[in-house]
Amino acid sequence: MIVTCVTVYVKKEFIAEFIEATLENHKNSIKEEGNLRFDVLQCNTDETRFFLYEAYLTEEASAAHKKTAHYLKWRDTVANWMAQPREGVAHSVIAPLKKDLWK
């Protein structure tokens, strides 16, 4: 399983539009083969800070996400709304193990 954690800082005047575009990306991403989670979080103490938690069964499924029409649309739509470049960090999952996901 591969998890990517993405931190995004959005310009204050674009928060509502960013949320709308990101929810659309979320709705399509959770339908992807190999997707386990696609969480969209907003910081409680900084409304301009968002955190995307993306979990896929395989690195291939994670890479395929970045080629989908909905991701490319999201990426291009929100690019100018960001206060700074987004930071995505891939992680290998230690727990739960894959076998534990189907219990």
N, C-alpha and C. Protein backbone atom coordinates (compact mmCIF):
# COMPACT_ATOMS: atom_id res chain seq x y z
N MET A 1 0.85 -1.18 0.00
CA MET A 1 0.00 0.00 0.00
C MET A 1 0.89 1.24 0.00
N ILE A 2 0.48 2.23 -0.75
CA ILE A 2 1.21 3.50 -0.82
C ILE A 2 0.28 4.64 -0.41
N VAL A 3 0.78 5.51 0.43
CA VAL A 3 0.02 6.67 0.90
C VAL A 3 0.80 7.91 0.52
N THR A 4 0.10 8.87 -0.06
CA THR A 4 0.70 10.16 -0.34
C THR A 4 -0.02 11.20 0.50
N CYS A 5 0.74 12.00 1.22
CA CYS A 5 0.20 13.08 2.04
C CYS A 5 0.58 14.39 1.36
N VAL A 6 -0.43 15.17 1.02
CA VAL A 6 -0.21 16.40 0.27
C VAL A 6 -0.66 17.58 1.12
N THR A 7 0.24 18.52 1.35
CA THR A 7 -0.09 19.76 2.05
C THR A 7 -0.24 20.86 1.02
N VAL A 8 -1.36 21.59 1.13
CA VAL A 8 -1.64 22.67 0.18
C VAL A 8 -2.01 23.92 0.96
N TYR A 9 -1.36 25.03 0.65
CA TYR A 9 -1.73 26.33 1.20
C TYR A 9 -2.43 27.11 0.09
N VAL A 10 -3.65 27.54 0.36
CA VAL A 10 -4.49 28.19 -0.63
C VAL A 10 -4.61 29.68 -0.30
N LYS A 11 -4.58 30.50 -1.33
CA LYS A 11 -4.82 31.93 -1.13
C LYS A 11 -6.23 32.10 -0.56
N LYS A 12 -6.34 32.95 0.45
CA LYS A 12 -7.58 33.09 1.21
C LYS A 12 -8.80 33.34 0.31
N GLU A 13 -8.64 34.14 -0.72
CA GLU A 13 -9.76 34.50 -1.57
C GLU A 13 -10.25 33.34 -2.46
N PHE A 14 -9.50 32.23 -2.47
CA PHE A 14 -9.87 31.09 -3.32
C PHE A 14 -10.26 29.85 -2.51
N ILE A 15 -10.42 29.98 -1.20
CA ILE A 15 -10.72 28.82 -0.36
C ILE A 15 -11.98 28.09 -0.82
N ALA A 16 -13.08 28.79 -1.02
CA ALA A 16 -14.34 28.14 -1.39
C ALA A 16 -14.21 27.42 -2.73
N GLU A 17 -13.58 28.06 -3.71
CA GLU A 17 -13.39 27.44 -5.01
C GLU A 17 -12.47 26.23 -4.92
N PHE A 18 -11.43 26.34 -4.09
CA PHE A 18 -10.52 25.21 -3.92
C PHE A 18 -11.26 24.02 -3.33
N ILE A 19 -12.06 24.26 -2.32
CA ILE A 19 -12.82 23.17 -1.70
C ILE A 19 -13.74 22.52 -2.73
N GLU A 20 -14.45 23.32 -3.50
CA GLU A 20 -15.35 22.77 -4.51
C GLU A 20 -14.61 21.91 -5.53
N ALA A 21 -13.50 22.41 -6.05
CA ALA A 21 -12.72 21.65 -7.03
C ALA A 21 -12.12 20.39 -6.42
N THR A 22 -11.68 20.48 -5.18
CA THR A 22 -11.06 19.33 -4.52
C THR A 22 -12.08 18.27 -4.17
N LEU A 23 -13.28 18.66 -3.80
CA LEU A 23 -14.34 17.68 -3.55
C LEU A 23 -14.72 16.94 -4.82
N GLU A 24 -14.72 17.62 -5.95
CA GLU A 24 -14.98 16.97 -7.23
C GLU A 24 -13.88 15.94 -7.53
N ASN A 25 -12.63 16.31 -7.30
CA ASN A 25 -11.52 15.38 -7.48
C ASN A 25 -11.67 14.19 -6.53
N HIS A 26 -12.04 14.46 -5.29
CA HIS A 26 -12.25 13.40 -4.29
C HIS A 26 -13.31 12.41 -4.76
N LYS A 27 -14.46 12.92 -5.21
CA LYS A 27 -15.58 12.05 -5.63
C LYS A 27 -15.17 11.09 -6.74
N ASN A 28 -14.33 11.57 -7.65
CA ASN A 28 -13.87 10.71 -8.74
C ASN A 28 -12.71 9.81 -8.32
N SER A 29 -11.85 10.30 -7.45
CA SER A 29 -10.69 9.53 -7.03
C SER A 29 -11.09 8.29 -6.25
N ILE A 30 -12.12 8.38 -5.41
CA ILE A 30 -12.52 7.22 -4.61
C ILE A 30 -13.15 6.12 -5.47
N LYS A 31 -13.46 6.42 -6.72
CA LYS A 31 -13.99 5.42 -7.65
C LYS A 31 -12.88 4.69 -8.41
N GLU A 32 -11.65 5.15 -8.29
CA GLU A 32 -10.54 4.57 -9.03
C GLU A 32 -10.21 3.17 -8.51
N GLU A 33 -9.83 2.31 -9.44
CA GLU A 33 -9.39 0.97 -9.05
C GLU A 33 -8.12 1.11 -8.22
N GLY A 34 -8.08 0.45 -7.09
CA GLY A 34 -6.91 0.49 -6.22
C GLY A 34 -6.93 1.60 -5.19
N ASN A 35 -7.94 2.48 -5.24
CA ASN A 35 -8.01 3.54 -4.25
C ASN A 35 -8.62 3.00 -2.96
N LEU A 36 -7.98 3.28 -1.85
CA LEU A 36 -8.49 2.88 -0.53
C LEU A 36 -9.07 4.06 0.23
N ARG A 37 -8.46 5.23 0.08
CA ARG A 37 -8.91 6.44 0.77
C ARG A 37 -8.47 7.65 -0.04
N PHE A 38 -9.27 8.68 0.06
CA PHE A 38 -8.88 9.98 -0.48
C PHE A 38 -9.55 11.01 0.41
N ASP A 39 -8.87 11.37 1.48
CA ASP A 39 -9.43 12.28 2.48
C ASP A 39 -8.99 13.71 2.19
N VAL A 40 -9.92 14.64 2.40
CA VAL A 40 -9.65 16.06 2.23
C VAL A 40 -9.86 16.72 3.58
N LEU A 41 -8.81 17.32 4.13
CA LEU A 41 -8.89 17.93 5.45
C LEU A 41 -8.49 19.40 5.38
N GLN A 42 -9.13 20.20 6.24
CA GLN A 42 -8.79 21.62 6.36
C GLN A 42 -8.34 21.86 7.78
N CYS A 43 -7.25 22.56 7.95
CA CYS A 43 -6.66 22.83 9.26
C CYS A 43 -7.62 23.66 10.11
N ASN A 44 -7.76 23.32 11.38
CA ASN A 44 -8.63 24.05 12.31
C ASN A 44 -8.07 25.41 12.69
N THR A 45 -6.76 25.57 12.65
CA THR A 45 -6.15 26.82 13.10
C THR A 45 -5.66 27.70 11.95
N ASP A 46 -5.72 27.19 10.73
CA ASP A 46 -5.30 27.96 9.56
C ASP A 46 -6.19 27.54 8.39
N GLU A 47 -7.22 28.31 8.11
CA GLU A 47 -8.20 27.93 7.10
C GLU A 47 -7.62 27.84 5.69
N THR A 48 -6.42 28.35 5.48
CA THR A 48 -5.80 28.30 4.16
C THR A 48 -4.96 27.03 3.96
N ARG A 49 -4.83 26.22 5.01
CA ARG A 49 -4.00 25.02 4.94
C ARG A 49 -4.89 23.78 4.82
N PHE A 50 -4.58 22.98 3.79
CA PHE A 50 -5.32 21.75 3.53
C PHE A 50 -4.36 20.58 3.51
N PHE A 51 -4.91 19.40 3.78
CA PHE A 51 -4.12 18.18 3.80
C PHE A 51 -4.92 17.11 3.05
N LEU A 52 -4.31 16.54 2.02
CA LEU A 52 -4.95 15.46 1.27
C LEU A 52 -4.24 14.16 1.63
N TYR A 53 -5.01 13.17 2.02
CA TYR A 53 -4.48 11.86 2.40
C TYR A 53 -4.98 10.86 1.37
N GLU A 54 -4.06 10.37 0.54
CA GLU A 54 -4.41 9.50 -0.57
C GLU A 54 -3.79 8.12 -0.36
N ALA A 55 -4.60 7.09 -0.29
CA ALA A 55 -4.09 5.73 -0.08
C ALA A 55 -4.50 4.84 -1.25
N TYR A 56 -3.52 4.16 -1.81
CA TYR A 56 -3.75 3.25 -2.93
C TYR A 56 -3.12 1.89 -2.62
N LEU A 57 -3.70 0.84 -3.19
CA LEU A 57 -3.19 -0.50 -2.94
C LEU A 57 -1.77 -0.68 -3.45
N THR A 58 -1.46 -0.07 -4.59
CA THR A 58 -0.14 -0.26 -5.20
C THR A 58 0.42 1.07 -5.68
N GLU A 59 1.71 1.09 -5.91
CA GLU A 59 2.35 2.27 -6.49
C GLU A 59 1.80 2.55 -7.89
N GLU A 60 1.48 1.47 -8.63
CA GLU A 60 0.92 1.62 -9.96
C GLU A 60 -0.44 2.32 -9.93
N ALA A 61 -1.28 1.95 -8.97
CA ALA A 61 -2.59 2.61 -8.83
C ALA A 61 -2.42 4.07 -8.45
N SER A 62 -1.46 4.35 -7.59
CA SER A 62 -1.18 5.73 -7.20
C SER A 62 -0.70 6.54 -8.41
N ALA A 63 0.18 5.96 -9.20
CA ALA A 63 0.69 6.64 -10.39
C ALA A 63 -0.41 6.84 -11.42
N ALA A 64 -1.31 5.86 -11.55
CA ALA A 64 -2.41 5.97 -12.52
C ALA A 64 -3.34 7.13 -12.15
N HIS A 65 -3.49 7.39 -10.86
CA HIS A 65 -4.33 8.51 -10.41
C HIS A 65 -3.87 9.82 -11.04
N LYS A 66 -2.58 10.00 -11.13
CA LYS A 66 -2.02 11.26 -11.65
C LYS A 66 -2.18 11.41 -13.17
N LYS A 67 -2.74 10.39 -13.82
CA LYS A 67 -3.00 10.44 -15.26
C LYS A 67 -4.49 10.56 -15.57
N THR A 68 -5.34 10.55 -14.54
CA THR A 68 -6.78 10.60 -14.78
C THR A 68 -7.21 12.00 -15.19
N ALA A 69 -8.31 12.07 -15.93
CA ALA A 69 -8.84 13.36 -16.38
C ALA A 69 -9.23 14.24 -15.19
N HIS A 70 -9.83 13.63 -14.15
CA HIS A 70 -10.27 14.45 -13.01
C HIS A 70 -9.10 15.02 -12.23
N TYR A 71 -8.01 14.25 -12.08
CA TYR A 71 -6.84 14.79 -11.40
C TYR A 71 -6.22 15.92 -12.21
N LEU A 72 -6.03 15.70 -13.51
CA LEU A 72 -5.42 16.73 -14.36
C LEU A 72 -6.25 18.00 -14.37
N LYS A 73 -7.57 17.86 -14.39
CA LYS A 73 -8.46 19.02 -14.32
C LYS A 73 -8.26 19.74 -12.99
N TRP A 74 -8.23 18.99 -11.88
CA TRP A 74 -8.03 19.59 -10.55
C TRP A 74 -6.69 20.32 -10.51
N ARG A 75 -5.64 19.65 -10.93
CA ARG A 75 -4.29 20.23 -10.89
C ARG A 75 -4.23 21.57 -11.63
N ASP A 76 -4.80 21.58 -12.82
CA ASP A 76 -4.75 22.81 -13.62
C ASP A 76 -5.67 23.89 -13.06
N THR A 77 -6.82 23.48 -12.53
CA THR A 77 -7.79 24.45 -11.99
C THR A 77 -7.25 25.16 -10.76
N VAL A 78 -6.63 24.43 -9.85
CA VAL A 78 -6.23 25.00 -8.56
C VAL A 78 -4.83 25.61 -8.56
N ALA A 79 -4.09 25.44 -9.62
CA ALA A 79 -2.68 25.85 -9.63
C ALA A 79 -2.47 27.31 -9.21
N ASN A 80 -3.25 28.22 -9.74
CA ASN A 80 -3.08 29.63 -9.42
C ASN A 80 -3.71 30.05 -8.10
N TRP A 81 -4.42 29.15 -7.47
CA TRP A 81 -5.06 29.44 -6.19
C TRP A 81 -4.13 29.15 -5.01
N MET A 82 -3.02 28.50 -5.27
CA MET A 82 -2.11 28.09 -4.20
C MET A 82 -1.20 29.24 -3.81
N ALA A 83 -1.01 29.40 -2.51
CA ALA A 83 -0.13 30.43 -1.99
C ALA A 83 1.34 30.03 -2.15
N GLN A 84 1.59 28.73 -2.27
CA GLN A 84 2.92 28.20 -2.50
C GLN A 84 2.74 26.83 -3.14
N PRO A 85 3.78 26.28 -3.77
CA PRO A 85 3.63 24.96 -4.39
C PRO A 85 3.21 23.91 -3.38
N ARG A 86 2.30 23.03 -3.81
CA ARG A 86 1.87 21.96 -2.91
C ARG A 86 3.03 21.00 -2.66
N GLU A 87 2.98 20.33 -1.51
CA GLU A 87 4.03 19.38 -1.15
C GLU A 87 3.40 18.02 -0.95
N GLY A 88 3.75 17.09 -1.83
CA GLY A 88 3.27 15.72 -1.71
C GLY A 88 4.41 14.80 -1.31
N VAL A 89 4.18 14.01 -0.29
CA VAL A 89 5.21 13.10 0.20
C VAL A 89 4.63 11.69 0.21
N ALA A 90 5.26 10.78 -0.52
CA ALA A 90 4.82 9.39 -0.56
C ALA A 90 5.37 8.64 0.64
N HIS A 91 4.55 7.74 1.16
CA HIS A 91 4.92 6.92 2.31
C HIS A 91 4.60 5.46 2.02
N SER A 92 5.43 4.56 2.53
CA SER A 92 5.12 3.14 2.53
C SER A 92 4.43 2.82 3.85
N VAL A 93 3.40 2.04 3.79
CA VAL A 93 2.61 1.74 4.97
C VAL A 93 3.20 0.55 5.73
N ILE A 94 3.37 0.72 7.01
CA ILE A 94 3.85 -0.35 7.87
C ILE A 94 2.67 -1.09 8.50
N ALA A 95 1.67 -0.35 8.94
CA ALA A 95 0.46 -0.95 9.49
C ALA A 95 -0.71 -0.03 9.15
N PRO A 96 -1.85 -0.54 8.78
CA PRO A 96 -2.17 -1.96 8.72
C PRO A 96 -1.56 -2.63 7.50
N LEU A 97 -1.31 -3.92 7.64
CA LEU A 97 -0.81 -4.71 6.52
C LEU A 97 -1.94 -4.95 5.54
N LYS A 98 -1.61 -5.21 4.29
CA LYS A 98 -2.63 -5.46 3.28
C LYS A 98 -3.61 -6.52 3.72
N LYS A 99 -3.12 -7.60 4.31
CA LYS A 99 -4.01 -8.69 4.71
C LYS A 99 -5.01 -8.21 5.76
N ASP A 100 -4.65 -7.19 6.55
CA ASP A 100 -5.54 -6.67 7.57
C ASP A 100 -6.67 -5.81 7.01
N LEU A 101 -6.51 -5.34 5.78
CA LEU A 101 -7.52 -4.47 5.19
C LEU A 101 -8.82 -5.19 4.88
N TRP A 102 -8.76 -6.49 4.71
CA TRP A 102 -9.96 -7.24 4.33
C TRP A 102 -10.55 -8.04 5.47
N LYS A 103 -10.18 -7.75 6.67
CA LYS A 103 -10.74 -8.46 7.85
C LYS A 103 -12.07 -7.88 8.21
